[in-house]
Structure formats: structure tokens, C-alpha cells
Amino acid sequence: MANVSSTDLGTQPIGKLLVKQAVPASIGILVMSLNILVDTIFVGNWIGSTAIAAINVVLPVSFFIAALGMSIGVGGSSIISRALGANNKEKALKTFGNQIMLTISFTVVLVFFGLLFVDDIIPAFGGKGPIFEPAKIYYIIVLYGVPILALVMMGNTVIRAEGKPKFAMYAMMIPSVGNLVLDYVFINLMDMGMHGAAWATTISYGLCFTFILWYFLSKNSELKINMSHFGLDKNIVSEIGSLGFVTLARQAVVSVTYLLMNNILYDLGGETSVTAYAIVGRMLMFALFPVYGITQGFLPIAGYNHGAMKYDRVKESIYTAIKYAIGLGVLVFIGLMIFPEAITRLFTTNADVIKETPPAMRWVFAATPVIAIQLIGAAYFQAIGKATPALLLTLCRQAFFFIPLIFILPKFYGELGVWMSFPISDVLATIVTYYFLQREVKLKLNANLSE
């Protein structure tokens, strides 16, 4: 699990390189997912099931603002990977400086408006009835730390673009471990309730930011920027925006999905259904960590080799990543089909929630073995700088298929129709992505190899 230099991305064997990139990414995602999972278990058992629903209401808002940092990070990191591959270090440095300025500017403005309209935002995202007050407490405290989280998410993608996945893994582990320790202290020992859960999350962001700042100031990073690199460059900002918009749009759709799901499920089944969705949502973040890790590991490899015009390695990286991700997806699928009730009981003792969640979980994860193709395919176009197909394929799964389905199917199948929408949209999006990925390989990569 050693780090690799940026030049190693273009020379080491793809399979070995993907493991070096993906394992630390997977471990980092696992620890962050475990943090969210255990945090939810702590909240459910020490505060109550209503608190789980309250946090689920707040997550899409804070995640969207944090995703702005990630989108700037992913968009800029695609440029950085290709610039390093083309031996254009000055462009990489300028891009990093622009990423920092954009992240700070946008997130501070969004937090201001997020706090200004707090009483309107929370009910809109499903924070109604007994859910409103605990959601408001959590929302206000966590939102103060979101700009720091945005910088963390941005910096983490840049570290990975440099070929330093081990440091990126450490950056993801620090807030997770910190949050769990602080959860125990604030909620269990100090009995601070939702205030404790929120402060534990916010302080953990600060711990992670401190580590990432140290990384870039130390000799570990190749990107040593100065004040001249912070000046916004129109062309770089435009490229960051076009590529980063893919990630931002995806998270925006996720936030809209949470909004719709919380409201639709509240109308169909009340607080119990919203809580069931919160538990299933945590498992979506946690269980797919190895598949997301492969996707994260694949991005800098594809980007660097495309920048270096090593198209045979780009093609090999696509198929190797898909093969590994499908294998891991099958293992996740088997586990979730066998143990959904045992998993649910970790979160709550509420009998109604325990009854409703397992069948929902089976439906939601029914198409898990095939979604690797959709994730890798969309990530490929982002890695090589093709913003439009990356955007359309990223939105395909949730915006084009899932959201329409959750309005249509419940009319015929009630709440079951909501859960059925997950695998149907996964399969449809995978078919579309596979077609365009194969077309790209045939018309672009194979054509360049034959020249």
C-alpha cells in the first residue's frame, strides 16, 4: 500500500497500480462510512429513532455544500492529473491555487444563505412534526463546519491526483475516528444529545483540515503554490467548473432525491418510513465502499495516462477497474440479501422500523452487481476531461430514471413502488452507460491505438 509518484501512474502495471490506488481509497471510504454508520447507531440507541430521521433530513443540505468542495476538487484534479502527465507542472500549481479560492468563496456564501433560511429549508427536506426541532439543532451547528469540510474534500482529491493515496486515506480516517470518540464523550458521557452529535461532527472536520494543511505544507506534496497561483485564471476556472459540475450535479440530484424521498415516504408511512430510508441510506454509503474505492483509484490512472497519450493503458485501466468492481459488488450483494434484519437491529429496537427496513434494503441493493459499470463508465469521461458525457451519464441513474420512477410506481404499488425504483433505475442507467463507454473505446481509444 505504498504511495506512488505521479510518474508511476504511467509506468507501473495497471492491475498493481489500481490496487495501490484503490485499497487506500477503499479503506478511507470504509472508515468514513463506518463513521456515518456507527454515528447513526450511537444516535439511534442513545438519543432515539427520531434523531436518526432528523440527521437524515440535514445530510443532503450539508452534503451538497461539502460536495461543492468535492466538485471543485474532482474537476481540478482531473486537470492536475493530465497536466502532470503532460509534464506541465505550472498549470497543475495554478489549478490548485484556483481550487482553494473557489472553494472558500462559494461555500461561505452558501452557508450564509443556509443559515438565513433555516426554518424554510428543514421542513422542505422532510423535517416535519417531531423531527423538526432535533433537525434544526443538528443543522445549525454542522453548517458552521461545512466550509472546512468542503476544503477537506477538495484537498483529498488533489492528494490522490498526486499519486499519494495513502495520505488521502489518512485524511479520510482522521475525522471518522475523531467523530466516534467525540460522539461517545459528548452524547454518552456528557449527555449533550443532538448538540453533542453535531459538535462531534463539526470538530472532526477541523481535525481533518489540520492534517491536510500539514500535508501540503510538508515535503510530501509536489504542489508548492505561492500567492501568484491564487489569482483566478478564466480558462482554468472554466475547465474546473465544467468538469466539477459533474460531481456537483450528482450531489445536487442526491440532495433533491433525499428531499423527495423524505417527503414521499413521510406521506406514505410517516416517521417509520423516513427512519427506514435513513438506515438504508447509511448502508448505501457504507456497503458499496469497495466499489467506490475502485472508482476513486481509477480516476487518476485514467486521467494521467490519457494526458500522456498512453491509450493502451487507458483501455486496460477501464476493463480492469470494471472487473474488480463487479467482483466486489457481488460480495456486497450476497451479504445484504442474507443479513438485512440483523443489520437493521444494529440501529434501532423500534419494532415497526425493524419490520419495514429489511425488505426495503433487499429491493434497494437488488442491482448491486451491475452498478460498477455505470460508476466506472461515468468516471472515465470525467477523468479524461469530457464534461458533457460525464455529466449526462452521472445524472442518468437518479435524475433521468430514479426520480421519475418514485413519482410513477407508488401510484400503482404504494410504498413498495418507492423501493422498486432503485434496482430498475440502476439497471437502466447501466445499460445506457455501457453503450456509450463501448462506443468511446471503439471510436477513440482503438482508433488512436491503430494510428
Protein backbone atom coordinates (compact mmCIF):
# COMPACT_ATOMS: atom_id res chain seq x y z
CA MET A 1 0.00 0.00 0.00
CA ALA A 2 2.93 2.29 -0.68
CA ASN A 3 2.43 5.68 -2.23
CA VAL A 4 3.29 6.17 -5.89
CA SER A 5 4.71 9.26 -7.54
CA SER A 6 2.76 10.93 -10.33
CA THR A 7 5.11 9.44 -12.96
CA ASP A 8 4.40 5.92 -11.67
CA LEU A 9 0.81 6.35 -12.84
CA GLY A 10 2.09 6.00 -16.40
CA THR A 11 4.60 3.17 -15.92
CA GLN A 12 3.52 0.60 -13.32
CA PRO A 13 1.32 -2.39 -14.30
CA ILE A 14 -2.33 -1.36 -14.32
CA GLY A 15 -3.60 -4.13 -12.03
CA LYS A 16 -0.91 -3.49 -9.44
CA LEU A 17 -1.36 0.28 -9.76
CA LEU A 18 -5.13 0.06 -9.38
CA VAL A 19 -4.74 -1.95 -6.19
CA LYS A 20 -2.26 0.63 -4.83
CA GLN A 21 -4.67 3.44 -5.62
CA ALA A 22 -7.94 1.69 -4.77
CA VAL A 23 -7.06 -0.05 -1.48
CA PRO A 24 -6.23 3.15 0.40
CA ALA A 25 -9.23 4.87 -1.20
CA SER A 26 -11.46 1.95 -0.17
CA ILE A 27 -10.12 1.94 3.38
CA GLY A 28 -10.64 5.69 3.63
CA ILE A 29 -14.21 5.40 2.33
CA LEU A 30 -14.80 2.43 4.62
CA VAL A 31 -13.70 4.34 7.69
CA MET A 32 -15.79 7.37 6.72
CA SER A 33 -18.76 5.12 6.02
CA LEU A 34 -18.27 3.30 9.30
CA ASN A 35 -18.19 6.68 10.97
CA ILE A 36 -21.59 7.56 9.49
CA LEU A 37 -22.88 4.08 10.27
CA VAL A 38 -21.69 3.93 13.90
CA ASP A 39 -22.66 7.56 14.40
CA THR A 40 -26.20 6.62 13.36
CA ILE A 41 -26.15 3.59 15.68
CA PHE A 42 -25.00 5.77 18.59
CA VAL A 43 -27.64 8.39 17.86
CA GLY A 44 -30.38 5.77 17.46
CA ASN A 45 -29.55 3.97 20.68
CA TRP A 46 -28.52 6.95 22.88
CA ILE A 47 -30.95 9.62 21.63
CA GLY A 48 -33.74 7.76 19.78
CA SER A 49 -35.07 6.79 16.37
CA THR A 50 -36.43 10.30 15.74
CA ALA A 51 -32.85 11.58 15.92
CA ILE A 52 -31.89 9.23 13.05
CA ALA A 53 -34.61 10.75 10.90
CA ALA A 54 -33.50 14.26 11.94
CA ILE A 55 -29.93 13.69 10.81
CA ASN A 56 -31.19 12.21 7.55
CA VAL A 57 -33.07 15.45 6.90
CA VAL A 58 -29.94 17.57 7.44
CA LEU A 59 -27.48 15.40 5.48
CA PRO A 60 -28.49 16.44 1.94
CA VAL A 61 -28.05 20.14 2.77
CA SER A 62 -24.62 19.84 4.39
CA PHE A 63 -23.54 17.22 1.85
CA PHE A 64 -24.47 19.48 -1.04
CA ILE A 65 -22.33 22.36 0.25
CA ALA A 66 -19.49 19.94 1.04
CA ALA A 67 -19.95 18.47 -2.44
CA LEU A 68 -19.18 21.88 -3.87
CA GLY A 69 -15.69 21.43 -2.45
CA MET A 70 -15.52 17.90 -3.81
CA SER A 71 -16.70 19.01 -7.24
CA ILE A 72 -14.04 21.72 -7.38
CA GLY A 73 -11.56 19.11 -6.18
CA VAL A 74 -12.54 16.45 -8.71
CA GLY A 75 -12.73 18.93 -11.59
CA GLY A 76 -9.37 20.44 -10.72
CA SER A 77 -7.78 17.08 -10.01
CA SER A 78 -8.67 15.89 -13.50
CA ILE A 79 -6.75 18.90 -14.83
CA ILE A 80 -3.87 18.29 -12.41
CA SER A 81 -3.56 14.59 -13.34
CA ARG A 82 -3.49 15.39 -17.06
CA ALA A 83 -1.13 18.34 -16.55
CA LEU A 84 1.33 16.19 -14.59
CA GLY A 85 1.04 13.51 -17.28
CA ALA A 86 1.90 16.14 -19.92
CA ASN A 87 4.75 17.49 -17.70
CA ASN A 88 3.03 20.88 -17.31
CA LYS A 89 3.60 21.48 -13.59
CA GLU A 90 2.85 25.22 -13.68
CA LYS A 91 -0.68 24.52 -14.87
CA ALA A 92 -1.09 21.99 -12.05
CA LEU A 93 0.03 24.58 -9.48
CA LYS A 94 -2.23 27.29 -10.88
CA THR A 95 -5.15 24.89 -10.88
CA PHE A 96 -4.63 24.01 -7.21
CA GLY A 97 -4.49 27.68 -6.18
CA ASN A 98 -7.69 28.38 -8.09
CA GLN A 99 -9.38 25.40 -6.42
CA ILE A 100 -8.69 26.83 -2.97
CA MET A 101 -10.08 30.27 -3.83
CA LEU A 102 -13.22 28.88 -5.46
CA THR A 103 -13.95 26.51 -2.57
CA ILE A 104 -13.69 29.20 0.10
CA SER A 105 -15.71 31.77 -1.85
CA PHE A 106 -18.65 29.57 -2.78
CA THR A 107 -19.08 27.65 0.47
CA VAL A 108 -19.06 30.72 2.71
CA VAL A 109 -21.84 32.30 0.64
CA LEU A 110 -23.91 29.10 0.69
CA VAL A 111 -23.54 28.69 4.44
CA PHE A 112 -24.73 32.29 4.94
CA PHE A 113 -27.93 31.67 2.99
CA GLY A 114 -28.33 28.20 4.52
CA LEU A 115 -28.45 29.75 7.99
CA LEU A 116 -30.63 32.66 6.88
CA PHE A 117 -33.39 30.37 5.60
CA VAL A 118 -33.04 27.56 8.15
CA ASP A 119 -36.74 27.48 9.12
CA ASP A 120 -37.78 27.03 5.49
CA ILE A 121 -35.10 24.55 4.43
CA ILE A 122 -35.61 21.94 7.17
CA PRO A 123 -39.36 21.35 6.56
CA ALA A 124 -38.74 21.32 2.81
CA PHE A 125 -36.35 18.37 3.28
CA GLY A 126 -38.83 16.39 5.36
CA GLY A 127 -38.09 17.79 8.81
CA LYS A 128 -41.72 17.97 9.91
CA GLY A 129 -43.55 17.26 13.14
CA PRO A 130 -41.37 15.81 15.90
CA ILE A 131 -38.38 15.69 13.51
CA PHE A 132 -38.12 19.50 13.13
CA GLU A 133 -36.51 20.57 16.44
CA PRO A 134 -33.71 17.96 16.61
CA ALA A 135 -33.02 18.51 12.90
CA LYS A 136 -32.68 22.27 13.44
CA ILE A 137 -30.23 21.80 16.31
CA TYR A 138 -28.05 19.48 14.25
CA TYR A 139 -28.31 21.57 11.09
CA ILE A 140 -27.14 24.89 12.56
CA ILE A 141 -24.07 23.50 14.33
CA VAL A 142 -22.95 21.27 11.46
CA LEU A 143 -23.39 24.02 8.88
CA TYR A 144 -20.74 26.17 10.60
CA GLY A 145 -18.15 23.47 9.87
CA VAL A 146 -19.18 22.75 6.29
CA PRO A 147 -16.70 25.20 4.63
CA ILE A 148 -13.90 23.34 6.39
CA LEU A 149 -15.37 20.04 5.19
CA ALA A 150 -15.51 21.43 1.64
CA LEU A 151 -11.80 22.31 1.79
CA VAL A 152 -11.10 18.83 3.15
CA MET A 153 -12.98 17.14 0.30
CA MET A 154 -11.24 19.33 -2.27
CA GLY A 155 -7.78 18.74 -0.80
CA ASN A 156 -8.30 14.99 -0.57
CA THR A 157 -8.94 14.62 -4.31
CA VAL A 158 -5.81 16.66 -5.08
CA ILE A 159 -3.69 14.42 -2.83
CA ARG A 160 -4.97 11.41 -4.78
CA ALA A 161 -4.26 13.15 -8.11
CA GLU A 162 -0.62 13.47 -7.00
CA GLY A 163 -0.43 9.69 -6.67
CA LYS A 164 -0.42 9.73 -2.84
CA PRO A 165 -3.40 7.51 -1.97
CA LYS A 166 -2.05 6.56 1.45
CA PHE A 167 -2.12 10.17 2.63
CA ALA A 168 -5.62 10.57 1.16
CA MET A 169 -6.65 7.52 3.19
CA TYR A 170 -5.23 9.02 6.39
CA ALA A 171 -7.13 12.24 5.70
CA MET A 172 -10.40 10.32 5.47
CA MET A 173 -9.70 8.27 8.60
CA ILE A 174 -8.93 11.16 10.94
CA PRO A 175 -12.39 12.78 11.06
CA SER A 176 -14.05 9.38 11.25
CA VAL A 177 -12.11 8.23 14.29
CA GLY A 178 -12.35 11.69 15.85
CA ASN A 179 -16.11 11.82 15.37
CA LEU A 180 -16.68 8.43 17.00
CA VAL A 181 -14.58 9.32 20.04
CA LEU A 182 -16.29 12.69 20.39
CA ASP A 183 -19.71 11.06 19.93
CA TYR A 184 -19.02 8.84 22.93
CA VAL A 185 -17.80 11.77 25.02
CA PHE A 186 -20.47 14.31 24.07
CA ILE A 187 -23.53 12.06 23.75
CA ASN A 188 -22.91 9.20 26.16
CA LEU A 189 -20.70 10.73 28.86
CA MET A 190 -21.83 14.38 28.78
CA ASP A 191 -25.46 13.72 27.72
CA MET A 192 -25.47 16.59 25.19
CA GLY A 193 -27.99 14.87 22.89
CA MET A 194 -28.27 16.32 19.37
CA HIS A 195 -25.92 19.17 20.31
CA GLY A 196 -23.26 16.59 21.14
CA ALA A 197 -23.75 14.70 17.87
CA ALA A 198 -23.46 17.93 15.88
CA TRP A 199 -20.38 19.25 17.69
CA ALA A 200 -18.63 15.90 17.36
CA THR A 201 -19.13 16.06 13.59
CA THR A 202 -18.02 19.70 13.27
CA ILE A 203 -14.88 19.35 15.39
CA SER A 204 -13.87 16.23 13.45
CA TYR A 205 -13.89 18.29 10.23
CA GLY A 206 -11.36 20.64 11.84
CA LEU A 207 -9.06 17.76 12.77
CA CYS A 208 -9.02 16.53 9.19
CA PHE A 209 -8.37 20.02 7.81
CA THR A 210 -5.33 20.35 10.09
CA PHE A 211 -3.85 17.14 8.65
CA ILE A 212 -4.45 18.13 5.02
CA LEU A 213 -2.93 21.57 5.61
CA TRP A 214 0.16 19.88 7.09
CA TYR A 215 0.41 17.58 4.05
CA PHE A 216 0.51 20.41 1.53
CA LEU A 217 2.97 22.42 3.61
CA SER A 218 5.28 19.41 4.06
CA LYS A 219 7.71 17.85 1.59
CA ASN A 220 5.21 15.08 0.81
CA SER A 221 3.37 17.24 -1.74
CA GLU A 222 4.70 18.18 -5.17
CA LEU A 223 2.32 21.15 -5.33
CA LYS A 224 4.12 24.07 -3.70
CA ILE A 225 1.99 27.06 -4.54
CA ASN A 226 2.62 30.76 -3.93
CA MET A 227 0.43 33.86 -3.95
CA SER A 228 0.55 34.16 -7.75
CA HIS A 229 -1.27 30.84 -8.10
CA PHE A 230 -4.34 32.10 -6.20
CA GLY A 231 -5.28 34.61 -8.88
CA LEU A 232 -8.25 33.22 -10.78
CA ASP A 233 -7.48 32.17 -14.34
CA LYS A 234 -10.52 32.32 -16.63
CA ASN A 235 -9.61 29.21 -18.65
CA ILE A 236 -8.75 27.11 -15.60
CA VAL A 237 -11.87 28.22 -13.71
CA SER A 238 -13.98 27.36 -16.76
CA GLU A 239 -12.42 23.90 -17.03
CA ILE A 240 -12.74 23.25 -13.29
CA GLY A 241 -16.36 24.37 -13.49
CA SER A 242 -17.29 22.22 -16.48
CA LEU A 243 -15.70 19.08 -15.05
CA GLY A 244 -16.58 19.79 -11.43
CA PHE A 245 -20.17 20.47 -12.34
CA VAL A 246 -20.49 16.74 -12.99
CA THR A 247 -19.81 15.96 -9.33
CA LEU A 248 -21.84 18.92 -8.10
CA ALA A 249 -24.80 17.98 -10.27
CA ARG A 250 -24.65 14.41 -8.97
CA GLN A 251 -24.72 15.61 -5.37
CA ALA A 252 -27.43 18.13 -6.17
CA VAL A 253 -29.54 15.29 -7.52
CA VAL A 254 -28.75 13.25 -4.39
CA SER A 255 -29.94 16.16 -2.25
CA VAL A 256 -33.10 16.52 -4.32
CA THR A 257 -33.61 12.77 -4.04
CA TYR A 258 -33.38 12.97 -0.23
CA LEU A 259 -35.87 15.84 -0.27
CA LEU A 260 -38.34 13.91 -2.41
CA MET A 261 -37.85 10.59 -0.65
CA ASN A 262 -38.27 12.06 2.84
CA ASN A 263 -41.48 13.81 1.82
CA ILE A 264 -42.94 10.93 -0.22
CA LEU A 265 -42.15 8.36 2.46
CA TYR A 266 -43.44 10.62 5.24
CA ASP A 267 -46.75 10.88 3.39
CA LEU A 268 -46.90 7.13 2.74
CA GLY A 269 -45.68 5.75 6.06
CA GLY A 270 -44.82 8.59 8.43
CA GLU A 271 -41.78 8.78 10.69
CA THR A 272 -41.22 4.99 10.49
CA SER A 273 -40.69 5.04 6.72
CA VAL A 274 -38.36 8.05 6.90
CA THR A 275 -36.29 6.24 9.55
CA ALA A 276 -36.19 3.08 7.40
CA TYR A 277 -34.90 5.14 4.48
CA ALA A 278 -32.28 6.73 6.76
CA ILE A 279 -30.96 3.27 7.69
CA VAL A 280 -30.97 2.07 4.09
CA GLY A 281 -29.25 5.31 3.08
CA ARG A 282 -26.45 4.67 5.58
CA MET A 283 -25.97 1.20 4.12
CA LEU A 284 -25.77 2.71 0.62
CA MET A 285 -22.89 4.84 1.85
CA PHE A 286 -21.23 2.00 3.74
CA ALA A 287 -21.74 -1.24 1.85
CA LEU A 288 -20.51 -0.03 -1.53
CA PHE A 289 -17.21 1.32 -0.18
CA PRO A 290 -15.02 -1.15 -2.16
CA VAL A 291 -16.76 -0.27 -5.43
CA TYR A 292 -16.38 3.45 -4.74
CA GLY A 293 -12.75 2.81 -3.81
CA ILE A 294 -12.08 1.21 -7.19
CA THR A 295 -13.73 4.20 -8.89
CA GLN A 296 -11.60 6.67 -6.91
CA GLY A 297 -8.45 4.70 -7.65
CA PHE A 298 -9.30 4.52 -11.35
CA LEU A 299 -9.70 8.30 -11.86
CA PRO A 300 -6.05 9.47 -11.60
CA ILE A 301 -4.78 6.43 -13.55
CA ALA A 302 -7.10 7.07 -16.49
CA GLY A 303 -6.53 10.84 -16.37
CA TYR A 304 -2.74 10.67 -16.21
CA ASN A 305 -2.38 8.09 -18.99
CA HIS A 306 -4.84 9.92 -21.21
CA GLY A 307 -2.78 13.09 -20.72
CA ALA A 308 0.36 11.12 -21.58
CA MET A 309 -1.42 9.67 -24.68
CA LYS A 310 -0.87 6.10 -23.45
CA TYR A 311 -4.22 4.90 -24.76
CA ASP A 312 -3.49 1.21 -24.36
CA ARG A 313 -3.08 1.77 -20.62
CA VAL A 314 -6.28 3.84 -20.51
CA LYS A 315 -8.21 1.00 -22.13
CA GLU A 316 -6.68 -1.59 -19.82
CA SER A 317 -7.50 0.53 -16.76
CA ILE A 318 -11.20 0.70 -17.77
CA TYR A 319 -11.68 -3.04 -18.06
CA THR A 320 -9.52 -3.89 -15.04
CA ALA A 321 -11.47 -1.44 -12.86
CA ILE A 322 -14.83 -2.82 -14.05
CA LYS A 323 -13.75 -6.41 -13.44
CA TYR A 324 -12.55 -5.70 -9.91
CA ALA A 325 -15.59 -3.58 -9.04
CA ILE A 326 -18.12 -6.16 -10.27
CA GLY A 327 -16.46 -8.88 -8.21
CA LEU A 328 -16.64 -6.77 -5.08
CA GLY A 329 -20.22 -5.73 -5.88
CA VAL A 330 -21.30 -9.38 -5.97
CA LEU A 331 -19.88 -9.96 -2.48
CA VAL A 332 -21.73 -6.89 -1.15
CA PHE A 333 -24.96 -8.12 -2.78
CA ILE A 334 -24.74 -11.56 -1.14
CA GLY A 335 -24.16 -10.12 2.32
CA LEU A 336 -27.06 -7.68 2.15
CA MET A 337 -29.50 -10.25 0.79
CA ILE A 338 -28.73 -12.61 3.70
CA PHE A 339 -28.46 -10.28 6.72
CA PRO A 340 -30.80 -7.26 6.32
CA GLU A 341 -32.70 -7.81 9.58
CA ALA A 342 -29.55 -8.27 11.65
CA ILE A 343 -28.18 -5.07 10.14
CA THR A 344 -31.37 -3.16 10.95
CA ARG A 345 -31.31 -4.29 14.59
CA LEU A 346 -27.91 -2.59 14.99
CA PHE A 347 -29.59 0.77 14.51
CA THR A 348 -32.80 0.54 16.49
CA THR A 349 -35.06 -1.53 18.72
CA ASN A 350 -38.20 0.03 17.23
CA ALA A 351 -40.36 -2.92 16.11
CA ASP A 352 -42.04 -1.05 13.25
CA VAL A 353 -38.72 0.07 11.79
CA ILE A 354 -37.27 -3.44 12.14
CA LYS A 355 -40.25 -4.83 10.23
CA GLU A 356 -40.15 -2.30 7.38
CA THR A 357 -36.42 -1.89 6.72
CA PRO A 358 -35.18 -5.40 5.66
CA PRO A 359 -37.47 -5.82 2.60
CA ALA A 360 -36.69 -2.24 1.59
CA MET A 361 -32.97 -2.97 1.86
CA ARG A 362 -33.25 -6.04 -0.38
CA TRP A 363 -35.00 -4.02 -3.08
CA VAL A 364 -32.56 -1.12 -2.89
CA PHE A 365 -29.49 -3.35 -3.34
CA ALA A 366 -31.01 -5.81 -5.83
CA ALA A 367 -28.95 -4.49 -8.78
CA THR A 368 -25.67 -4.02 -6.89
CA PRO A 369 -23.60 -6.43 -9.07
CA VAL A 370 -24.08 -4.33 -12.22
CA ILE A 371 -23.74 -0.74 -10.99
CA ALA A 372 -19.93 -0.94 -11.19
CA ILE A 373 -20.21 -0.50 -14.96
CA GLN A 374 -22.25 2.67 -14.51
CA LEU A 375 -19.88 4.17 -11.93
CA ILE A 376 -16.66 3.40 -13.83
CA GLY A 377 -18.16 4.48 -17.15
CA ALA A 378 -19.25 7.88 -15.87
CA ALA A 379 -15.94 8.35 -14.03
CA TYR A 380 -13.95 7.63 -17.21
CA PHE A 381 -15.40 10.58 -19.11
CA GLN A 382 -14.74 12.84 -16.13
CA ALA A 383 -11.14 11.61 -15.86
CA ILE A 384 -10.33 12.43 -19.48
CA GLY A 385 -11.96 15.87 -19.37
CA LYS A 386 -15.16 15.19 -21.36
CA ALA A 387 -17.60 17.10 -19.22
CA THR A 388 -20.83 16.69 -21.20
CA PRO A 389 -20.98 12.87 -21.42
CA ALA A 390 -19.68 12.64 -17.85
CA LEU A 391 -22.49 14.90 -16.69
CA LEU A 392 -25.23 13.10 -18.61
CA LEU A 393 -24.11 9.64 -17.51
CA THR A 394 -23.73 10.77 -13.92
CA LEU A 395 -27.27 12.17 -13.90
CA CYS A 396 -28.65 9.20 -15.81
CA ARG A 397 -29.18 6.94 -12.82
CA GLN A 398 -31.00 9.26 -10.43
CA ALA A 399 -32.22 12.27 -12.39
CA PHE A 400 -33.36 10.59 -15.62
CA PHE A 401 -34.66 7.31 -14.23
CA PHE A 402 -34.97 7.20 -10.42
CA ILE A 403 -36.77 10.48 -9.74
CA PRO A 404 -39.48 9.89 -12.38
CA LEU A 405 -39.94 6.33 -11.11
CA ILE A 406 -40.58 7.38 -7.48
CA PHE A 407 -43.46 9.52 -8.74
CA ILE A 408 -44.88 6.85 -11.05
CA LEU A 409 -44.50 3.49 -9.28
CA PRO A 410 -46.03 4.44 -5.89
CA LYS A 411 -49.29 5.22 -7.73
CA PHE A 412 -49.52 1.50 -8.52
CA TYR A 413 -47.58 -0.21 -5.72
CA GLY A 414 -47.66 2.26 -2.83
CA GLU A 415 -44.53 2.37 -0.67
CA LEU A 416 -43.19 -0.78 -2.38
CA GLY A 417 -43.03 1.24 -5.60
CA VAL A 418 -40.53 3.60 -3.98
CA TRP A 419 -38.16 0.75 -3.13
CA MET A 420 -38.63 -0.92 -6.54
CA SER A 421 -37.42 2.29 -8.20
CA PHE A 422 -33.84 1.69 -7.00
CA PRO A 423 -32.94 -1.51 -8.93
CA ILE A 424 -34.93 -0.53 -12.02
CA SER A 425 -33.08 2.79 -12.34
CA ASP A 426 -29.73 1.05 -11.66
CA VAL A 427 -30.24 -1.43 -14.50
CA LEU A 428 -31.47 1.16 -17.00
CA ALA A 429 -28.57 3.53 -16.24
CA THR A 430 -26.04 0.70 -16.54
CA ILE A 431 -27.34 -0.24 -20.00
CA VAL A 432 -27.06 3.35 -21.22
CA THR A 433 -23.58 3.84 -19.73
CA TYR A 434 -22.26 0.57 -21.17
CA TYR A 435 -23.38 1.62 -24.66
CA PHE A 436 -21.58 4.97 -24.54
CA LEU A 437 -18.45 3.56 -22.89
CA GLN A 438 -18.08 0.86 -25.52
CA ARG A 439 -18.66 3.44 -28.24
CA GLU A 440 -15.90 5.65 -26.78
CA VAL A 441 -13.47 2.74 -26.58
CA LYS A 442 -14.18 1.71 -30.17
CA LEU A 443 -14.17 5.15 -31.80
CA LYS A 444 -11.49 6.92 -29.75
CA LEU A 445 -9.14 4.58 -27.89
CA ASN A 446 -8.98 1.81 -30.51
CA ALA A 447 -8.68 4.43 -33.29
CA ASN A 448 -5.73 6.11 -31.58
CA LEU A 449 -4.05 2.75 -30.97
CA SER A 450 -4.31 1.83 -34.65
CA GLU A 451 -2.67 5.06 -35.85
